[in-house]
Amino acid sequence: MKIYHKSACVTCKNAITELERMNADIEKRDFFKDPFSEAELKKIIKATGKKPTEILRKKDKMYKELGLEKTRTSDEQLIKLMVEYPGLILRPIVIMGDKTHVGKINTGLK
């Protein structure tokens, strides 16, 4: 199992704690310290079955600063921005086998 997270994120810390409680074998990566490449992020987004806008973290200050709520941005442009500003990516990202989950971990993962 892989978890992509931000070390200082409370939601990420809670997810890691929950997964460790389940005795899961976890490979952790802080994608703020070890950023995604564009190709990696595209692969992750595809695995979620969602569009880039659906894993966009609208609470991040860059979301407002970049005016993303007001402009039409292509999926390609969004991915480039997410790579440049990882705070725009909803977290944590958990890959369990062939399933990829983004955001808060819920009991459905158990």
PDB file of N, CA and C in Angstrom:
ATOM      1  N   MET A   1       0.843  -1.171   0.000  1.00  0.00           N
ATOM      2  CA  MET A   1       0.000   0.000   0.000  1.00  0.00           C
ATOM      3  C   MET A   1       0.889   1.234   0.000  1.00  0.00           C
ATOM      4  N   LYS A   2       0.466   2.247  -0.735  1.00  0.00           N
ATOM      5  CA  LYS A   2       1.211   3.502  -0.793  1.00  0.00           C
ATOM      6  C   LYS A   2       0.329   4.624  -0.282  1.00  0.00           C
ATOM      7  N   ILE A   3       0.955   5.571   0.411  1.00  0.00           N
ATOM      8  CA  ILE A   3       0.234   6.768   0.815  1.00  0.00           C
ATOM      9  C   ILE A   3       1.100   7.973   0.476  1.00  0.00           C
ATOM     10  N   TYR A   4       0.515   8.873  -0.277  1.00  0.00           N
ATOM     11  CA  TYR A   4       1.166  10.130  -0.625  1.00  0.00           C
ATOM     12  C   TYR A   4       0.537  11.178   0.280  1.00  0.00           C
ATOM     13  N   HIS A   5       1.380  11.939   0.977  1.00  0.00           N
ATOM     14  CA  HIS A   5       0.866  12.812   2.026  1.00  0.00           C
ATOM     15  C   HIS A   5       1.708  14.066   2.176  1.00  0.00           C
ATOM     16  N   LYS A   6       1.286  14.915   3.109  1.00  0.00           N
ATOM     17  CA  LYS A   6       2.055  16.073   3.562  1.00  0.00           C
ATOM     18  C   LYS A   6       2.281  15.851   5.053  1.00  0.00           C
ATOM     19  N   SER A   7       3.529  15.888   5.481  1.00  0.00           N
ATOM     20  CA  SER A   7       3.867  15.583   6.880  1.00  0.00           C
ATOM     21  C   SER A   7       3.104  16.434   7.894  1.00  0.00           C
ATOM     22  N   ALA A   8       2.877  17.701   7.586  1.00  0.00           N
ATOM     23  CA  ALA A   8       2.221  18.600   8.525  1.00  0.00           C
ATOM     24  C   ALA A   8       0.688  18.549   8.471  1.00  0.00           C
ATOM     25  N   CYS A   9       0.132  17.768   7.581  1.00  0.00           N
ATOM     26  CA  CYS A   9      -1.322  17.705   7.387  1.00  0.00           C
ATOM     27  C   CYS A   9      -1.972  16.779   8.414  1.00  0.00           C
ATOM     28  N   VAL A  10      -2.914  17.297   9.174  1.00  0.00           N
ATOM     29  CA  VAL A  10      -3.597  16.517  10.209  1.00  0.00           C
ATOM     30  C   VAL A  10      -4.387  15.362   9.596  1.00  0.00           C
ATOM     31  N   THR A  11      -5.067  15.609   8.491  1.00  0.00           N
ATOM     32  CA  THR A  11      -5.836  14.554   7.826  1.00  0.00           C
ATOM     33  C   THR A  11      -4.904  13.425   7.388  1.00  0.00           C
ATOM     34  N   CYS A  12      -3.745  13.784   6.863  1.00  0.00           N
ATOM     35  CA  CYS A  12      -2.761  12.777   6.440  1.00  0.00           C
ATOM     36  C   CYS A  12      -2.241  11.990   7.636  1.00  0.00           C
ATOM     37  N   LYS A  13      -1.935  12.698   8.716  1.00  0.00           N
ATOM     38  CA  LYS A  13      -1.445  12.025   9.930  1.00  0.00           C
ATOM     39  C   LYS A  13      -2.489  11.039  10.444  1.00  0.00           C
ATOM     40  N   ASN A  14      -3.743  11.449  10.442  1.00  0.00           N
ATOM     41  CA  ASN A  14      -4.830  10.570  10.899  1.00  0.00           C
ATOM     42  C   ASN A  14      -4.951   9.340  10.003  1.00  0.00           C
ATOM     43  N   ALA A  15      -4.808   9.534   8.696  1.00  0.00           N
ATOM     44  CA  ALA A  15      -4.897   8.416   7.757  1.00  0.00           C
ATOM     45  C   ALA A  15      -3.759   7.429   7.993  1.00  0.00           C
ATOM     46  N   ILE A  16      -2.558   7.943   8.177  1.00  0.00           N
ATOM     47  CA  ILE A  16      -1.400   7.075   8.426  1.00  0.00           C
ATOM     48  C   ILE A  16      -1.591   6.306   9.728  1.00  0.00           C
ATOM     49  N   THR A  17      -2.063   6.982  10.766  1.00  0.00           N
ATOM     50  CA  THR A  17      -2.318   6.326  12.048  1.00  0.00           C
ATOM     51  C   THR A  17      -3.339   5.211  11.897  1.00  0.00           C
ATOM     52  N   GLU A  18      -4.405   5.470  11.150  1.00  0.00           N
ATOM     53  CA  GLU A  18      -5.456   4.469  10.940  1.00  0.00           C
ATOM     54  C   GLU A  18      -4.915   3.268  10.165  1.00  0.00           C
ATOM     55  N   LEU A  19      -4.136   3.532   9.132  1.00  0.00           N
ATOM     56  CA  LEU A  19      -3.574   2.441   8.340  1.00  0.00           C
ATOM     57  C   LEU A  19      -2.571   1.625   9.158  1.00  0.00           C
ATOM     58  N   GLU A  20      -1.786   2.296   9.987  1.00  0.00           N
ATOM     59  CA  GLU A  20      -0.836   1.587  10.857  1.00  0.00           C
ATOM     60  C   GLU A  20      -1.585   0.755  11.900  1.00  0.00           C
ATOM     61  N   ARG A  21      -2.711   1.284  12.387  1.00  0.00           N
ATOM     62  CA  ARG A  21      -3.535   0.554  13.345  1.00  0.00           C
ATOM     63  C   ARG A  21      -4.055  -0.749  12.737  1.00  0.00           C
ATOM     64  N   MET A  22      -4.262  -0.720  11.425  1.00  0.00           N
ATOM     65  CA  MET A  22      -4.745  -1.900  10.703  1.00  0.00           C
ATOM     66  C   MET A  22      -3.585  -2.842  10.352  1.00  0.00           C
ATOM     67  N   ASN A  23      -2.379  -2.507  10.839  1.00  0.00           N
ATOM     68  CA  ASN A  23      -1.165  -3.288  10.555  1.00  0.00           C
ATOM     69  C   ASN A  23      -0.880  -3.398   9.062  1.00  0.00           C
ATOM     70  N   ALA A  24      -1.219  -2.352   8.329  1.00  0.00           N
ATOM     71  CA  ALA A  24      -0.972  -2.335   6.886  1.00  0.00           C
ATOM     72  C   ALA A  24       0.511  -2.078   6.621  1.00  0.00           C
ATOM     73  N   ASP A  25       1.023  -2.698   5.578  1.00  0.00           N
ATOM     74  CA  ASP A  25       2.392  -2.456   5.138  1.00  0.00           C
ATOM     75  C   ASP A  25       2.327  -1.212   4.255  1.00  0.00           C
ATOM     76  N   ILE A  26       2.861  -0.109   4.756  1.00  0.00           N
ATOM     77  CA  ILE A  26       2.688   1.184   4.090  1.00  0.00           C
ATOM     78  C   ILE A  26       4.014   1.727   3.566  1.00  0.00           C
ATOM     79  N   GLU A  27       3.972   2.173   2.315  1.00  0.00           N
ATOM     80  CA  GLU A  27       5.086   2.920   1.734  1.00  0.00           C
ATOM     81  C   GLU A  27       4.628   4.378   1.724  1.00  0.00           C
ATOM     82  N   LYS A  28       5.330   5.239   2.492  1.00  0.00           N
ATOM     83  CA  LYS A  28       4.922   6.634   2.630  1.00  0.00           C
ATOM     84  C   LYS A  28       5.805   7.551   1.785  1.00  0.00           C
ATOM     85  N   ARG A  29       5.174   8.569   1.229  1.00  0.00           N
ATOM     86  CA  ARG A  29       5.922   9.590   0.479  1.00  0.00           C
ATOM     87  C   ARG A  29       5.279  10.947   0.699  1.00  0.00           C
ATOM     88  N   ASP A  30       6.061  11.866   1.233  1.00  0.00           N
ATOM     89  CA  ASP A  30       5.611  13.248   1.395  1.00  0.00           C
ATOM     90  C   ASP A  30       5.828  13.931   0.047  1.00  0.00           C
ATOM     91  N   PHE A  31       4.743  14.181  -0.670  1.00  0.00           N
ATOM     92  CA  PHE A  31       4.888  14.735  -2.018  1.00  0.00           C
ATOM     93  C   PHE A  31       5.182  16.230  -2.027  1.00  0.00           C
ATOM     94  N   PHE A  32       5.345  16.815  -0.846  1.00  0.00           N
ATOM     95  CA  PHE A  32       5.826  18.192  -0.770  1.00  0.00           C
ATOM     96  C   PHE A  32       7.355  18.192  -0.746  1.00  0.00           C
ATOM     97  N   LYS A  33       7.929  17.177  -0.110  1.00  0.00           N
ATOM     98  CA  LYS A  33       9.387  17.043  -0.044  1.00  0.00           C
ATOM     99  C   LYS A  33       9.932  16.305  -1.264  1.00  0.00           C
ATOM    100  N   ASP A  34       9.147  15.392  -1.812  1.00  0.00           N
ATOM    101  CA  ASP A  34       9.521  14.593  -2.983  1.00  0.00           C
ATOM    102  C   ASP A  34       8.374  14.729  -3.991  1.00  0.00           C
ATOM    103  N   PRO A  35       8.344  15.853  -4.732  1.00  0.00           N
ATOM    104  CA  PRO A  35       7.198  16.181  -5.597  1.00  0.00           C
ATOM    105  C   PRO A  35       6.932  15.173  -6.715  1.00  0.00           C
ATOM    106  N   PHE A  36       5.670  15.155  -7.132  1.00  0.00           N
ATOM    107  CA  PHE A  36       5.259  14.333  -8.266  1.00  0.00           C
ATOM    108  C   PHE A  36       5.812  14.927  -9.550  1.00  0.00           C
ATOM    109  N   SER A  37       6.101  14.052 -10.492  1.00  0.00           N
ATOM    110  CA  SER A  37       6.359  14.521 -11.855  1.00  0.00           C
ATOM    111  C   SER A  37       4.979  14.647 -12.495  1.00  0.00           C
ATOM    112  N   GLU A  38       4.942  15.303 -13.625  1.00  0.00           N
ATOM    113  CA  GLU A  38       3.674  15.444 -14.340  1.00  0.00           C
ATOM    114  C   GLU A  38       3.127  14.065 -14.722  1.00  0.00           C
ATOM    115  N   ALA A  39       4.008  13.184 -15.187  1.00  0.00           N
ATOM    116  CA  ALA A  39       3.599  11.835 -15.597  1.00  0.00           C
ATOM    117  C   ALA A  39       3.045  11.043 -14.412  1.00  0.00           C
ATOM    118  N   GLU A  40       3.690  11.157 -13.251  1.00  0.00           N
ATOM    119  CA  GLU A  40       3.206  10.446 -12.057  1.00  0.00           C
ATOM    120  C   GLU A  40       1.814  10.926 -11.671  1.00  0.00           C
ATOM    121  N   LEU A  41       1.648  12.240 -11.646  1.00  0.00           N
ATOM    122  CA  LEU A  41       0.361  12.794 -11.243  1.00  0.00           C
ATOM    123  C   LEU A  41      -0.741  12.395 -12.217  1.00  0.00           C
ATOM    124  N   LYS A  42      -0.442  12.399 -13.503  1.00  0.00           N
ATOM    125  CA  LYS A  42      -1.433  11.969 -14.502  1.00  0.00           C
ATOM    126  C   LYS A  42      -1.854  10.519 -14.241  1.00  0.00           C
ATOM    127  N   LYS A  43      -0.884   9.672 -13.949  1.00  0.00           N
ATOM    128  CA  LYS A  43      -1.160   8.258 -13.682  1.00  0.00           C
ATOM    129  C   LYS A  43      -2.035   8.099 -12.436  1.00  0.00           C
ATOM    130  N   ILE A  44      -1.731   8.860 -11.385  1.00  0.00           N
ATOM    131  CA  ILE A  44      -2.513   8.803 -10.148  1.00  0.00           C
ATOM    132  C   ILE A  44      -3.939   9.275 -10.402  1.00  0.00           C
ATOM    133  N   ILE A  45      -4.072  10.394 -11.102  1.00  0.00           N
ATOM    134  CA  ILE A  45      -5.404  10.933 -11.396  1.00  0.00           C
ATOM    135  C   ILE A  45      -6.216   9.925 -12.209  1.00  0.00           C
ATOM    136  N   LYS A  46      -5.588   9.326 -13.202  1.00  0.00           N
ATOM    137  CA  LYS A  46      -6.280   8.319 -14.012  1.00  0.00           C
ATOM    138  C   LYS A  46      -6.740   7.153 -13.147  1.00  0.00           C
ATOM    139  N   ALA A  47      -5.893   6.721 -12.205  1.00  0.00           N
ATOM    140  CA  ALA A  47      -6.229   5.598 -11.323  1.00  0.00           C
ATOM    141  C   ALA A  47      -7.416   5.905 -10.410  1.00  0.00           C
ATOM    142  N   THR A  48      -7.634   7.186 -10.104  1.00  0.00           N
ATOM    143  CA  THR A  48      -8.772   7.545  -9.249  1.00  0.00           C
ATOM    144  C   THR A  48     -10.090   7.478 -10.007  1.00  0.00           C
ATOM    145  N   GLY A  49     -10.010   7.564 -11.334  1.00  0.00           N
ATOM    146  CA  GLY A  49     -11.230   7.604 -12.128  1.00  0.00           C
ATOM    147  C   GLY A  49     -11.900   8.964 -12.081  1.00  0.00           C
ATOM    148  N   LYS A  50     -11.167   9.959 -11.585  1.00  0.00           N
ATOM    149  CA  LYS A  50     -11.730  11.311 -11.458  1.00  0.00           C
ATOM    150  C   LYS A  50     -11.024  12.255 -12.420  1.00  0.00           C
ATOM    151  N   LYS A  51     -11.621  13.416 -12.580  1.00  0.00           N
ATOM    152  CA  LYS A  51     -11.017  14.478 -13.377  1.00  0.00           C
ATOM    153  C   LYS A  51     -10.102  15.289 -12.445  1.00  0.00           C
ATOM    154  N   PRO A  52      -9.096  15.966 -12.995  1.00  0.00           N
ATOM    155  CA  PRO A  52      -8.220  16.786 -12.153  1.00  0.00           C
ATOM    156  C   PRO A  52      -8.974  17.777 -11.265  1.00  0.00           C
ATOM    157  N   THR A  53     -10.061  18.344 -11.770  1.00  0.00           N
ATOM    158  CA  THR A  53     -10.832  19.303 -10.954  1.00  0.00           C
ATOM    159  C   THR A  53     -11.420  18.648  -9.703  1.00  0.00           C
ATOM    160  N   GLU A  54     -11.637  17.331  -9.749  1.00  0.00           N
ATOM    161  CA  GLU A  54     -12.237  16.622  -8.614  1.00  0.00           C
ATOM    162  C   GLU A  54     -11.234  16.321  -7.504  1.00  0.00           C
ATOM    163  N   ILE A  55      -9.941  16.422  -7.809  1.00  0.00           N
ATOM    164  CA  ILE A  55      -8.956  16.212  -6.749  1.00  0.00           C
ATOM    165  C   ILE A  55      -8.203  17.513  -6.449  1.00  0.00           C
ATOM    166  N   LEU A  56      -8.812  18.602  -6.859  1.00  0.00           N
ATOM    167  CA  LEU A  56      -8.266  19.929  -6.607  1.00  0.00           C
ATOM    168  C   LEU A  56      -8.674  20.366  -5.207  1.00  0.00           C
ATOM    169  N   ARG A  57      -7.712  20.815  -4.443  1.00  0.00           N
ATOM    170  CA  ARG A  57      -7.963  21.265  -3.069  1.00  0.00           C
ATOM    171  C   ARG A  57      -8.322  22.749  -3.108  1.00  0.00           C
ATOM    172  N   LYS A  58      -9.606  23.025  -3.051  1.00  0.00           N
ATOM    173  CA  LYS A  58     -10.112  24.386  -3.213  1.00  0.00           C
ATOM    174  C   LYS A  58      -9.851  25.268  -1.994  1.00  0.00           C
ATOM    175  N   LYS A  59      -9.459  24.676  -0.868  1.00  0.00           N
ATOM    176  CA  LYS A  59      -9.164  25.454   0.341  1.00  0.00           C
ATOM    177  C   LYS A  59      -7.732  25.989   0.353  1.00  0.00           C
ATOM    178  N   ASP A  60      -6.899  25.532  -0.572  1.00  0.00           N
ATOM    179  CA  ASP A  60      -5.513  25.988  -0.604  1.00  0.00           C
ATOM    180  C   ASP A  60      -5.454  27.447  -1.050  1.00  0.00           C
ATOM    181  N   LYS A  61      -4.553  28.224  -0.432  1.00  0.00           N
ATOM    182  CA  LYS A  61      -4.475  29.655  -0.764  1.00  0.00           C
ATOM    183  C   LYS A  61      -4.123  29.895  -2.235  1.00  0.00           C
ATOM    184  N   MET A  62      -3.348  28.985  -2.845  1.00  0.00           N
ATOM    185  CA  MET A  62      -2.988  29.156  -4.255  1.00  0.00           C
ATOM    186  C   MET A  62      -4.196  29.026  -5.168  1.00  0.00           C
ATOM    187  N   TYR A  63      -5.190  28.282  -4.739  1.00  0.00           N
ATOM    188  CA  TYR A  63      -6.412  28.129  -5.534  1.00  0.00           C
ATOM    189  C   TYR A  63      -7.027  29.507  -5.779  1.00  0.00           C
ATOM    190  N   LYS A  64      -7.111  30.299  -4.716  1.00  0.00           N
ATOM    191  CA  LYS A  64      -7.684  31.645  -4.827  1.00  0.00           C
ATOM    192  C   LYS A  64      -6.706  32.597  -5.523  1.00  0.00           C
ATOM    193  N   GLU A  65      -5.424  32.508  -5.135  1.00  0.00           N
ATOM    194  CA  GLU A  65      -4.426  33.394  -5.726  1.00  0.00           C
ATOM    195  C   GLU A  65      -4.310  33.212  -7.238  1.00  0.00           C
ATOM    196  N   LEU A  66      -4.456  31.992  -7.703  1.00  0.00           N
ATOM    197  CA  LEU A  66      -4.380  31.714  -9.141  1.00  0.00           C
ATOM    198  C   LEU A  66      -5.706  31.985  -9.851  1.00  0.00           C
ATOM    199  N   GLY A  67      -6.748  32.297  -9.075  1.00  0.00           N
ATOM    200  CA  GLY A  67      -8.055  32.597  -9.659  1.00  0.00           C
ATOM    201  C   GLY A  67      -8.727  31.387 -10.287  1.00  0.00           C
ATOM    202  N   LEU A  68      -8.438  30.190  -9.754  1.00  0.00           N
ATOM    203  CA  LEU A  68      -8.960  28.971 -10.382  1.00  0.00           C
ATOM    204  C   LEU A  68     -10.476  28.824 -10.271  1.00  0.00           C
ATOM    205  N   GLU A  69     -11.086  29.514  -9.294  1.00  0.00           N
ATOM    206  CA  GLU A  69     -12.544  29.415  -9.186  1.00  0.00           C
ATOM    207  C   GLU A  69     -13.236  30.240 -10.265  1.00  0.00           C
ATOM    208  N   LYS A  70     -12.493  31.151 -10.887  1.00  0.00           N
ATOM    209  CA  LYS A  70     -13.092  32.060 -11.861  1.00  0.00           C
ATOM    210  C   LYS A  70     -12.700  31.768 -13.302  1.00  0.00           C
ATOM    211  N   THR A  71     -11.668  30.965 -13.494  1.00  0.00           N
ATOM    212  CA  THR A  71     -11.180  30.750 -14.856  1.00  0.00           C
ATOM    213  C   THR A  71     -11.425  29.322 -15.319  1.00  0.00           C
ATOM    214  N   ARG A  72     -11.539  29.178 -16.619  1.00  0.00           N
ATOM    215  CA  ARG A  72     -11.633  27.839 -17.213  1.00  0.00           C
ATOM    216  C   ARG A  72     -10.209  27.391 -17.478  1.00  0.00           C
ATOM    217  N   THR A  73      -9.838  26.290 -16.850  1.00  0.00           N
ATOM    218  CA  THR A  73      -8.488  25.778 -16.988  1.00  0.00           C
ATOM    219  C   THR A  73      -8.581  24.358 -17.515  1.00  0.00           C
ATOM    220  N   SER A  74      -7.779  24.050 -18.524  1.00  0.00           N
ATOM    221  CA  SER A  74      -7.808  22.703 -19.090  1.00  0.00           C
ATOM    222  C   SER A  74      -7.219  21.704 -18.092  1.00  0.00           C
ATOM    223  N   ASP A  75      -7.511  20.425 -18.294  1.00  0.00           N
ATOM    224  CA  ASP A  75      -6.953  19.378 -17.430  1.00  0.00           C
ATOM    225  C   ASP A  75      -5.430  19.428 -17.459  1.00  0.00           C
ATOM    226  N   GLU A  76      -4.856  19.637 -18.632  1.00  0.00           N
ATOM    227  CA  GLU A  76      -3.392  19.718 -18.772  1.00  0.00           C
ATOM    228  C   GLU A  76      -2.827  20.875 -17.954  1.00  0.00           C
ATOM    229  N   GLN A  77      -3.476  22.028 -18.042  1.00  0.00           N
ATOM    230  CA  GLN A  77      -3.022  23.203 -17.288  1.00  0.00           C
ATOM    231  C   GLN A  77      -3.140  22.950 -15.782  1.00  0.00           C
ATOM    232  N   LEU A  78      -4.243  22.330 -15.371  1.00  0.00           N
ATOM    233  CA  LEU A  78      -4.431  22.043 -13.946  1.00  0.00           C
ATOM    234  C   LEU A  78      -3.350  21.109 -13.426  1.00  0.00           C
ATOM    235  N   ILE A  79      -3.032  20.077 -14.178  1.00  0.00           N
ATOM    236  CA  ILE A  79      -2.000  19.129 -13.760  1.00  0.00           C
ATOM    237  C   ILE A  79      -0.656  19.839 -13.624  1.00  0.00           C
ATOM    238  N   LYS A  80      -0.330  20.700 -14.555  1.00  0.00           N
ATOM    239  CA  LYS A  80       0.926  21.462 -14.477  1.00  0.00           C
ATOM    240  C   LYS A  80       0.939  22.326 -13.214  1.00  0.00           C
ATOM    241  N   LEU A  81      -0.180  22.974 -12.911  1.00  0.00           N
ATOM    242  CA  LEU A  81      -0.273  23.807 -11.708  1.00  0.00           C
ATOM    243  C   LEU A  81      -0.171  22.962 -10.437  1.00  0.00           C
ATOM    244  N   MET A  82      -0.781  21.780 -10.446  1.00  0.00           N
ATOM    245  CA  MET A  82      -0.726  20.895  -9.281  1.00  0.00           C
ATOM    246  C   MET A  82       0.705  20.406  -9.023  1.00  0.00           C
ATOM    247  N   VAL A  83       1.451  20.172 -10.087  1.00  0.00           N
ATOM    248  CA  VAL A  83       2.854  19.767  -9.935  1.00  0.00           C
ATOM    249  C   VAL A  83       3.653  20.934  -9.354  1.00  0.00           C
ATOM    250  N   GLU A  84       3.391  22.132  -9.858  1.00  0.00           N
ATOM    251  CA  GLU A  84       4.123  23.319  -9.396  1.00  0.00           C
ATOM    252  C   GLU A  84       3.721  23.713  -7.975  1.00  0.00           C
ATOM    253  N   TYR A  85       2.431  23.575  -7.658  1.00  0.00           N
ATOM    254  CA  TYR A  85       1.902  23.951  -6.345  1.00  0.00           C
ATOM    255  C   TYR A  85       1.196  22.738  -5.735  1.00  0.00           C
ATOM    256  N   PRO A  86       1.938  21.833  -5.085  1.00  0.00           N
ATOM    257  CA  PRO A  86       1.342  20.589  -4.578  1.00  0.00           C
ATOM    258  C   PRO A  86       0.228  20.792  -3.549  1.00  0.00           C
ATOM    259  N   GLY A  87       0.151  21.978  -2.955  1.00  0.00           N
ATOM    260  CA  GLY A  87      -0.947  22.260  -2.032  1.00  0.00           C
ATOM    261  C   GLY A  87      -2.309  22.204  -2.710  1.00  0.00           C
ATOM    262  N   LEU A  88      -2.321  22.272  -4.024  1.00  0.00           N
ATOM    263  CA  LEU A  88      -3.576  22.208  -4.781  1.00  0.00           C
ATOM    264  C   LEU A  88      -4.127  20.785  -4.876  1.00  0.00           C
ATOM    265  N   ILE A  89      -3.317  19.800  -4.483  1.00  0.00           N
ATOM    266  CA  ILE A  89      -3.730  18.403  -4.608  1.00  0.00           C
ATOM    267  C   ILE A  89      -4.408  17.941  -3.322  1.00  0.00           C
ATOM    268  N   LEU A  90      -5.613  17.423  -3.464  1.00  0.00           N
ATOM    269  CA  LEU A  90      -6.337  16.869  -2.326  1.00  0.00           C
ATOM    270  C   LEU A  90      -5.519  15.730  -1.740  1.00  0.00           C
ATOM    271  N   ARG A  91      -5.478  15.651  -0.428  1.00  0.00           N
ATOM    272  CA  ARG A  91      -4.652  14.643   0.225  1.00  0.00           C
ATOM    273  C   ARG A  91      -5.351  14.065   1.426  1.00  0.00           C
ATOM    274  N   PRO A  92      -4.917  12.900   1.862  1.00  0.00           N
ATOM    275  CA  PRO A  92      -3.872  12.042   1.319  1.00  0.00           C
ATOM    276  C   PRO A  92      -4.363  11.275   0.090  1.00  0.00           C
ATOM    277  N   ILE A  93      -3.412  10.679  -0.606  1.00  0.00           N
ATOM    278  CA  ILE A  93      -3.720   9.786  -1.722  1.00  0.00           C
ATOM    279  C   ILE A  93      -3.255   8.403  -1.280  1.00  0.00           C
ATOM    280  N   VAL A  94      -4.189   7.454  -1.260  1.00  0.00           N
ATOM    281  CA  VAL A  94      -3.879   6.103  -0.802  1.00  0.00           C
ATOM    282  C   VAL A  94      -4.116   5.128  -1.953  1.00  0.00           C
ATOM    283  N   ILE A  95      -3.085   4.344  -2.251  1.00  0.00           N
ATOM    284  CA  ILE A  95      -3.204   3.326  -3.294  1.00  0.00           C
ATOM    285  C   ILE A  95      -3.169   1.967  -2.615  1.00  0.00           C
ATOM    286  N   MET A  96      -4.277   1.255  -2.750  1.00  0.00           N
ATOM    287  CA  MET A  96      -4.428  -0.075  -2.155  1.00  0.00           C
ATOM    288  C   MET A  96      -4.740  -1.040  -3.291  1.00  0.00           C
ATOM    289  N   GLY A  97      -3.726  -1.787  -3.721  1.00  0.00           N
ATOM    290  CA  GLY A  97      -3.943  -2.702  -4.840  1.00  0.00           C
ATOM    291  C   GLY A  97      -4.296  -1.925  -6.086  1.00  0.00           C
ATOM    292  N   ASP A  98      -5.478  -2.224  -6.636  1.00  0.00           N
ATOM    293  CA  ASP A  98      -5.897  -1.540  -7.863  1.00  0.00           C
ATOM    294  C   ASP A  98      -6.843  -0.373  -7.588  1.00  0.00           C
ATOM    295  N   LYS A  99      -6.979   0.021  -6.312  1.00  0.00           N
ATOM    296  CA  LYS A  99      -7.867   1.132  -5.958  1.00  0.00           C
ATOM    297  C   LYS A  99      -7.052   2.316  -5.457  1.00  0.00           C
ATOM    298  N   THR A 100      -7.452   3.495  -5.892  1.00  0.00           N
ATOM    299  CA  THR A 100      -6.793   4.727  -5.473  1.00  0.00           C
ATOM    300  C   THR A 100      -7.843   5.634  -4.849  1.00  0.00           C
ATOM    301  N   HIS A 101      -7.584   6.030  -3.599  1.00  0.00           N
ATOM    302  CA  HIS A 101      -8.502   6.895  -2.857  1.00  0.00           C
ATOM    303  C   HIS A 101      -7.824   8.240  -2.616  1.00  0.00           C
ATOM    304  N   VAL A 102      -8.608   9.309  -2.702  1.00  0.00           N
ATOM    305  CA  VAL A 102      -8.078  10.646  -2.470  1.00  0.00           C
ATOM    306  C   VAL A 102      -8.927  11.325  -1.410  1.00  0.00           C
ATOM    307  N   GLY A 103      -8.257  11.958  -0.454  1.00  0.00           N
ATOM    308  CA  GLY A 103      -8.956  12.681   0.601  1.00  0.00           C
ATOM    309  C   GLY A 103      -9.032  11.866   1.877  1.00  0.00           C
ATOM    310  N   LYS A 104      -9.941  12.243   2.742  1.00  0.00           N
ATOM    311  CA  LYS A 104     -10.059  11.607   4.052  1.00  0.00           C
ATOM    312  C   LYS A 104     -10.276  10.097   3.924  1.00  0.00           C
ATOM    313  N   ILE A 105      -9.592   9.383   4.804  1.00  0.00           N
ATOM    314  CA  ILE A 105      -9.762   7.924   4.871  1.00  0.00           C
ATOM    315  C   ILE A 105     -11.041   7.657   5.664  1.00  0.00           C
ATOM    316  N   ASN A 106     -11.865   6.762   5.131  1.00  0.00           N
ATOM    317  CA  ASN A 106     -13.065   6.408   5.873  1.00  0.00           C
ATOM    318  C   ASN A 106     -13.047   4.902   6.158  1.00  0.00           C
ATOM    319  N   THR A 107     -14.007   4.471   6.917  1.00  0.00           N
ATOM    320  CA  THR A 107     -14.047   3.061   7.315  1.00  0.00           C
ATOM    321  C   THR A 107     -14.258   2.126   6.142  1.00  0.00           C
ATOM    322  N   GLY A 108     -14.631   2.646   4.989  1.00  0.00           N
ATOM    323  CA  GLY A 108     -14.806   1.802   3.813  1.00  0.00           C
ATOM    324  C   GLY A 108     -13.514   1.181   3.310  1.00  0.00           C
ATOM    325  N   LEU A 109     -12.383   1.668   3.798  1.00  0.00           N
ATOM    326  CA  LEU A 109     -11.092   1.123   3.368  1.00  0.00           C
ATOM    327  C   LEU A 109     -10.678  -0.090   4.188  1.00  0.00           C
ATOM    328  N   LYS A 110     -11.357  -0.356   5.270  1.00  0.00           N
ATOM    329  CA  LYS A 110     -10.963  -1.451   6.165  1.00  0.00           C
ATOM    330  C   LYS A 110     -11.268  -2.797   5.566  1.00  0.00           C
TER     331      LYS A 110
END
